[in-house]
């Protein structure tokens, strides 16, 4: 079997999800337990690995679960979800290569050229009177919308991977919601 680490799922073959800022990404709602997230994703045709502990900070255990389409090879993770103790699901990362297409107010967020998404998000943020923020990696993001676009390599090109989060009593800002493991994905 040929291993294709940079293969990108065609737009027409991606599941289509909507995004409700600071509330949910498709079937995944912030605050869900690992078990509830697994059940919601199974209904949508995704399977998961076993939740793994990625750290313990203070009294809170941090867990990670990776989801892939049921018929996808084991290495094609589409979504990574992060959980913090009693707060449940706090961060959702959608893979640029194999994740579902997430749409927010008519804007396609996943698997796009970063400059195109930045231009479209900038126009949206200006039109709606929201703050335009530059992420730590130089992309346009929004604390108010709970989204942090990131560039992910797909062979010789970069495509958008989105990280969604909701601040809580553990993490005061969007960037605090993103576990260190996620910053290592490129």
C-alpha atoms as a PDB file:
ATOM      1  CA  UNK A   1       0.000   0.000   0.000  1.00  0.00           C
ATOM      2  CA  UNK A   2       1.349   3.418  -0.957  1.00  0.00           C
ATOM      3  CA  UNK A   3       1.641   5.856   1.941  1.00  0.00           C
ATOM      4  CA  UNK A   4       0.474   9.339   0.850  1.00  0.00           C
ATOM      5  CA  UNK A   5       1.196  11.696   3.743  1.00  0.00           C
ATOM      6  CA  UNK A   6       0.442  14.851   1.730  1.00  0.00           C
ATOM      7  CA  UNK A   7      -2.705  13.691  -0.074  1.00  0.00           C
ATOM      8  CA  UNK A   8      -5.514  16.226   0.299  1.00  0.00           C
ATOM      9  CA  UNK A   9      -9.148  15.112   0.402  1.00  0.00           C
ATOM     10  CA  UNK A  10     -11.107  16.655  -2.478  1.00  0.00           C
ATOM     11  CA  UNK A  11     -13.452  19.443  -1.460  1.00  0.00           C
ATOM     12  CA  UNK A  12     -16.424  17.428  -2.790  1.00  0.00           C
ATOM     13  CA  UNK A  13     -15.487  14.461  -0.566  1.00  0.00           C
ATOM     14  CA  UNK A  14     -15.289  16.444   2.673  1.00  0.00           C
ATOM     15  CA  UNK A  15     -18.102  16.432   5.204  1.00  0.00           C
ATOM     16  CA  UNK A  16     -19.610  19.924   5.547  1.00  0.00           C
ATOM     17  CA  UNK A  17     -19.984  21.379   9.019  1.00  0.00           C
ATOM     18  CA  UNK A  18     -21.013  24.773  10.265  1.00  0.00           C
ATOM     19  CA  UNK A  19     -19.417  26.752  13.057  1.00  0.00           C
ATOM     20  CA  UNK A  20     -21.229  28.562  15.858  1.00  0.00           C
ATOM     21  CA  UNK A  21     -18.554  30.727  17.560  1.00  0.00           C
ATOM     22  CA  UNK A  22     -17.623  29.673  21.081  1.00  0.00           C
ATOM     23  CA  UNK A  23     -20.433  27.085  21.005  1.00  0.00           C
ATOM     24  CA  UNK A  24     -19.738  24.243  18.549  1.00  0.00           C
ATOM     25  CA  UNK A  25     -17.921  22.985  15.460  1.00  0.00           C
ATOM     26  CA  UNK A  26     -20.294  20.684  13.570  1.00  0.00           C
ATOM     27  CA  UNK A  27     -21.476  18.039  16.066  1.00  0.00           C
ATOM     28  CA  UNK A  28     -18.770  18.864  18.632  1.00  0.00           C
ATOM     29  CA  UNK A  29     -19.939  21.214  21.385  1.00  0.00           C
ATOM     30  CA  UNK A  30     -17.533  22.906  23.753  1.00  0.00           C
ATOM     31  CA  UNK A  31     -17.899  21.373  27.218  1.00  0.00           C
ATOM     32  CA  UNK A  32     -18.758  17.852  25.951  1.00  0.00           C
ATOM     33  CA  UNK A  33     -17.249  14.839  27.647  1.00  0.00           C
ATOM     34  CA  UNK A  34     -14.966  12.491  25.719  1.00  0.00           C
ATOM     35  CA  UNK A  35     -17.765   9.909  25.632  1.00  0.00           C
ATOM     36  CA  UNK A  36     -20.345  12.377  24.275  1.00  0.00           C
ATOM     37  CA  UNK A  37     -17.910  13.625  21.619  1.00  0.00           C
ATOM     38  CA  UNK A  38     -17.125  10.040  20.533  1.00  0.00           C
ATOM     39  CA  UNK A  39     -20.837   9.243  20.240  1.00  0.00           C
ATOM     40  CA  UNK A  40     -21.564  12.422  18.228  1.00  0.00           C
ATOM     41  CA  UNK A  41     -18.664  11.756  15.869  1.00  0.00           C
ATOM     42  CA  UNK A  42     -19.606   8.097  15.365  1.00  0.00           C
ATOM     43  CA  UNK A  43     -23.042   9.196  14.134  1.00  0.00           C
ATOM     44  CA  UNK A  44     -21.236  11.430  11.585  1.00  0.00           C
ATOM     45  CA  UNK A  45     -19.066   8.576  10.257  1.00  0.00           C
ATOM     46  CA  UNK A  46     -15.896   9.136  12.286  1.00  0.00           C
ATOM     47  CA  UNK A  47     -14.001   6.784  14.550  1.00  0.00           C
ATOM     48  CA  UNK A  48     -11.560   7.727  17.293  1.00  0.00           C
ATOM     49  CA  UNK A  49      -8.491   6.475  19.021  1.00  0.00           C
ATOM     50  CA  UNK A  50      -8.535   6.046  22.774  1.00  0.00           C
ATOM     51  CA  UNK A  51      -8.371   9.318  24.676  1.00  0.00           C
ATOM     52  CA  UNK A  52      -4.805   9.856  25.790  1.00  0.00           C
ATOM     53  CA  UNK A  53      -3.496  12.018  28.594  1.00  0.00           C
ATOM     54  CA  UNK A  54      -1.282  14.814  27.294  1.00  0.00           C
ATOM     55  CA  UNK A  55      -0.507  16.386  30.627  1.00  0.00           C
ATOM     56  CA  UNK A  56      -1.713  17.406  34.013  1.00  0.00           C
ATOM     57  CA  UNK A  57      -1.652  21.044  35.033  1.00  0.00           C
ATOM     58  CA  UNK A  58      -2.680  21.811  38.554  1.00  0.00           C
ATOM     59  CA  UNK A  59      -5.725  19.736  39.409  1.00  0.00           C
ATOM     60  CA  UNK A  60      -6.784  19.217  35.775  1.00  0.00           C
ATOM     61  CA  UNK A  61      -6.053  16.254  33.543  1.00  0.00           C
ATOM     62  CA  UNK A  62      -5.671  17.174  29.852  1.00  0.00           C
ATOM     63  CA  UNK A  63      -6.842  14.606  27.299  1.00  0.00           C
ATOM     64  CA  UNK A  64      -6.631  14.354  23.507  1.00  0.00           C
ATOM     65  CA  UNK A  65      -8.701  12.318  21.065  1.00  0.00           C
ATOM     66  CA  UNK A  66      -8.071  12.022  17.333  1.00  0.00           C
ATOM     67  CA  UNK A  67     -10.884  11.293  14.896  1.00  0.00           C
ATOM     68  CA  UNK A  68     -10.697   9.998  11.330  1.00  0.00           C
ATOM     69  CA  UNK A  69     -13.313   9.006   8.793  1.00  0.00           C
ATOM     70  CA  UNK A  70     -14.330   5.384   9.352  1.00  0.00           C
ATOM     71  CA  UNK A  71     -13.037   4.345   5.917  1.00  0.00           C
ATOM     72  CA  UNK A  72      -9.811   6.421   6.094  1.00  0.00           C
ATOM     73  CA  UNK A  73      -6.347   4.968   6.726  1.00  0.00           C
ATOM     74  CA  UNK A  74      -5.190   5.047  10.345  1.00  0.00           C
ATOM     75  CA  UNK A  75      -2.817   7.968   9.688  1.00  0.00           C
ATOM     76  CA  UNK A  76      -5.519  10.320   8.271  1.00  0.00           C
ATOM     77  CA  UNK A  77      -6.644  12.167  11.390  1.00  0.00           C
ATOM     78  CA  UNK A  78      -9.340  14.661  10.463  1.00  0.00           C
ATOM     79  CA  UNK A  79     -10.084  16.229  13.841  1.00  0.00           C
ATOM     80  CA  UNK A  80      -8.171  16.458  17.096  1.00  0.00           C
ATOM     81  CA  UNK A  81     -10.142  17.319  20.205  1.00  0.00           C
ATOM     82  CA  UNK A  82      -8.715  18.448  23.532  1.00  0.00           C
ATOM     83  CA  UNK A  83     -10.386  18.159  26.937  1.00  0.00           C
ATOM     84  CA  UNK A  84      -9.599  19.697  30.305  1.00  0.00           C
ATOM     85  CA  UNK A  85     -10.855  17.915  33.420  1.00  0.00           C
ATOM     86  CA  UNK A  86     -14.370  18.931  34.432  1.00  0.00           C
ATOM     87  CA  UNK A  87     -14.587  21.608  31.697  1.00  0.00           C
ATOM     88  CA  UNK A  88     -14.762  18.942  28.993  1.00  0.00           C
ATOM     89  CA  UNK A  89     -14.036  19.784  25.357  1.00  0.00           C
ATOM     90  CA  UNK A  90     -12.080  23.048  25.192  1.00  0.00           C
ATOM     91  CA  UNK A  91     -10.274  22.975  21.840  1.00  0.00           C
ATOM     92  CA  UNK A  92     -10.971  21.477  18.401  1.00  0.00           C
ATOM     93  CA  UNK A  93      -8.428  21.338  15.568  1.00  0.00           C
ATOM     94  CA  UNK A  94      -9.622  20.537  12.036  1.00  0.00           C
ATOM     95  CA  UNK A  95      -6.962  19.092   9.737  1.00  0.00           C
ATOM     96  CA  UNK A  96      -6.244  20.918   6.466  1.00  0.00           C
ATOM     97  CA  UNK A  97      -5.661  17.725   4.479  1.00  0.00           C
ATOM     98  CA  UNK A  98      -8.466  15.430   5.618  1.00  0.00           C
ATOM     99  CA  UNK A  99     -10.784  17.352   7.938  1.00  0.00           C
ATOM    100  CA  UNK A 100     -14.373  18.285   7.193  1.00  0.00           C
ATOM    101  CA  UNK A 101     -15.041  21.628   5.521  1.00  0.00           C
ATOM    102  CA  UNK A 102     -16.134  24.018   8.246  1.00  0.00           C
ATOM    103  CA  UNK A 103     -18.181  26.987   7.082  1.00  0.00           C
ATOM    104  CA  UNK A 104     -18.770  30.145   9.049  1.00  0.00           C
ATOM    105  CA  UNK A 105     -21.152  32.773   7.671  1.00  0.00           C
ATOM    106  CA  UNK A 106     -20.481  31.584   4.111  1.00  0.00           C
ATOM    107  CA  UNK A 107     -16.684  31.468   4.533  1.00  0.00           C
ATOM    108  CA  UNK A 108     -14.952  28.131   3.856  1.00  0.00           C
ATOM    109  CA  UNK A 109     -12.313  27.775   6.560  1.00  0.00           C
ATOM    110  CA  UNK A 110     -10.475  24.486   5.925  1.00  0.00           C
ATOM    111  CA  UNK A 111      -7.924  23.495   3.285  1.00  0.00           C
ATOM    112  CA  UNK A 112      -7.526  26.926   1.705  1.00  0.00           C
ATOM    113  CA  UNK A 113      -4.536  29.020   0.789  1.00  0.00           C
ATOM    114  CA  UNK A 114      -3.770  30.982   4.000  1.00  0.00           C
ATOM    115  CA  UNK A 115      -3.615  34.354   2.206  1.00  0.00           C
ATOM    116  CA  UNK A 116      -7.082  33.838   0.674  1.00  0.00           C
ATOM    117  CA  UNK A 117      -8.638  32.968   4.024  1.00  0.00           C
ATOM    118  CA  UNK A 118      -6.856  35.893   5.705  1.00  0.00           C
ATOM    119  CA  UNK A 119      -8.267  38.301   3.113  1.00  0.00           C
ATOM    120  CA  UNK A 120     -11.795  36.933   3.461  1.00  0.00           C
ATOM    121  CA  UNK A 121     -11.659  36.928   7.278  1.00  0.00           C
ATOM    122  CA  UNK A 122     -10.266  40.473   7.332  1.00  0.00           C
ATOM    123  CA  UNK A 123     -13.147  41.693   5.157  1.00  0.00           C
ATOM    124  CA  UNK A 124     -15.668  39.889   7.395  1.00  0.00           C
ATOM    125  CA  UNK A 125     -14.162  41.249  10.619  1.00  0.00           C
ATOM    126  CA  UNK A 126     -14.115  44.805   9.233  1.00  0.00           C
ATOM    127  CA  UNK A 127     -17.706  44.513   7.963  1.00  0.00           C
ATOM    128  CA  UNK A 128     -18.971  43.234  11.337  1.00  0.00           C
ATOM    129  CA  UNK A 129     -16.962  45.676  13.468  1.00  0.00           C
ATOM    130  CA  UNK A 130     -14.868  42.991  15.149  1.00  0.00           C
ATOM    131  CA  UNK A 131     -11.202  43.274  16.033  1.00  0.00           C
ATOM    132  CA  UNK A 132      -8.702  42.116  13.426  1.00  0.00           C
ATOM    133  CA  UNK A 133      -6.001  40.117  15.167  1.00  0.00           C
ATOM    134  CA  UNK A 134      -2.764  38.684  13.897  1.00  0.00           C
ATOM    135  CA  UNK A 135      -2.053  35.258  15.353  1.00  0.00           C
ATOM    136  CA  UNK A 136       1.306  34.235  16.776  1.00  0.00           C
ATOM    137  CA  UNK A 137       2.112  32.683  13.384  1.00  0.00           C
ATOM    138  CA  UNK A 138       1.146  35.760  11.358  1.00  0.00           C
ATOM    139  CA  UNK A 139      -2.343  34.746  10.183  1.00  0.00           C
ATOM    140  CA  UNK A 140      -5.596  36.647  10.705  1.00  0.00           C
ATOM    141  CA  UNK A 141      -7.646  35.190  13.556  1.00  0.00           C
ATOM    142  CA  UNK A 142     -10.266  36.258  16.051  1.00  0.00           C
ATOM    143  CA  UNK A 143     -10.534  35.883  19.807  1.00  0.00           C
ATOM    144  CA  UNK A 144     -14.130  37.094  19.545  1.00  0.00           C
ATOM    145  CA  UNK A 145     -14.959  34.267  17.133  1.00  0.00           C
ATOM    146  CA  UNK A 146     -12.798  31.703  18.941  1.00  0.00           C
ATOM    147  CA  UNK A 147     -10.799  30.766  15.853  1.00  0.00           C
ATOM    148  CA  UNK A 148      -7.109  30.559  15.143  1.00  0.00           C
ATOM    149  CA  UNK A 149      -6.181  29.718  11.528  1.00  0.00           C
ATOM    150  CA  UNK A 150      -2.847  27.968  11.072  1.00  0.00           C
ATOM    151  CA  UNK A 151      -0.875  26.954   8.016  1.00  0.00           C
ATOM    152  CA  UNK A 152      -0.380  23.210   7.559  1.00  0.00           C
ATOM    153  CA  UNK A 153       1.955  21.702   5.007  1.00  0.00           C
ATOM    154  CA  UNK A 154       0.497  19.683   2.126  1.00  0.00           C
ATOM    155  CA  UNK A 155       3.579  18.737   0.153  1.00  0.00           C
ATOM    156  CA  UNK A 156       4.916  21.916  -1.439  1.00  0.00           C
ATOM    157  CA  UNK A 157       1.925  24.093  -0.499  1.00  0.00           C
ATOM    158  CA  UNK A 158       0.353  25.408   2.691  1.00  0.00           C
ATOM    159  CA  UNK A 159      -3.337  25.014   3.496  1.00  0.00           C
ATOM    160  CA  UNK A 160      -5.460  26.278   6.370  1.00  0.00           C
ATOM    161  CA  UNK A 161      -5.954  24.192   9.491  1.00  0.00           C
ATOM    162  CA  UNK A 162      -8.291  25.816  11.994  1.00  0.00           C
ATOM    163  CA  UNK A 163      -8.080  25.593  15.741  1.00  0.00           C
ATOM    164  CA  UNK A 164     -11.255  26.535  17.586  1.00  0.00           C
ATOM    165  CA  UNK A 165     -11.425  27.199  21.302  1.00  0.00           C
ATOM    166  CA  UNK A 166     -13.502  28.713  24.045  1.00  0.00           C
ATOM    167  CA  UNK A 167     -11.897  30.484  26.995  1.00  0.00           C
ATOM    168  CA  UNK A 168     -12.906  29.216  30.427  1.00  0.00           C
ATOM    169  CA  UNK A 169     -11.785  29.380  34.041  1.00  0.00           C
ATOM    170  CA  UNK A 170      -8.605  27.474  33.125  1.00  0.00           C
ATOM    171  CA  UNK A 171      -7.763  29.413  29.946  1.00  0.00           C
ATOM    172  CA  UNK A 172      -8.527  33.128  29.848  1.00  0.00           C
ATOM    173  CA  UNK A 173      -7.814  33.658  26.135  1.00  0.00           C
ATOM    174  CA  UNK A 174      -8.199  31.727  22.899  1.00  0.00           C
ATOM    175  CA  UNK A 175      -4.455  31.131  22.779  1.00  0.00           C
ATOM    176  CA  UNK A 176      -4.465  29.736  26.321  1.00  0.00           C
ATOM    177  CA  UNK A 177      -7.006  27.116  25.157  1.00  0.00           C
ATOM    178  CA  UNK A 178      -4.601  25.661  22.606  1.00  0.00           C
ATOM    179  CA  UNK A 179      -2.443  22.867  24.054  1.00  0.00           C
ATOM    180  CA  UNK A 180       1.297  22.860  23.360  1.00  0.00           C
ATOM    181  CA  UNK A 181       0.882  19.680  21.256  1.00  0.00           C
ATOM    182  CA  UNK A 182      -1.178  21.619  18.735  1.00  0.00           C
ATOM    183  CA  UNK A 183       1.514  24.241  18.161  1.00  0.00           C
ATOM    184  CA  UNK A 184       3.821  21.445  16.950  1.00  0.00           C
ATOM    185  CA  UNK A 185       1.524  20.457  14.050  1.00  0.00           C
ATOM    186  CA  UNK A 186       2.768  21.894  10.749  1.00  0.00           C
END
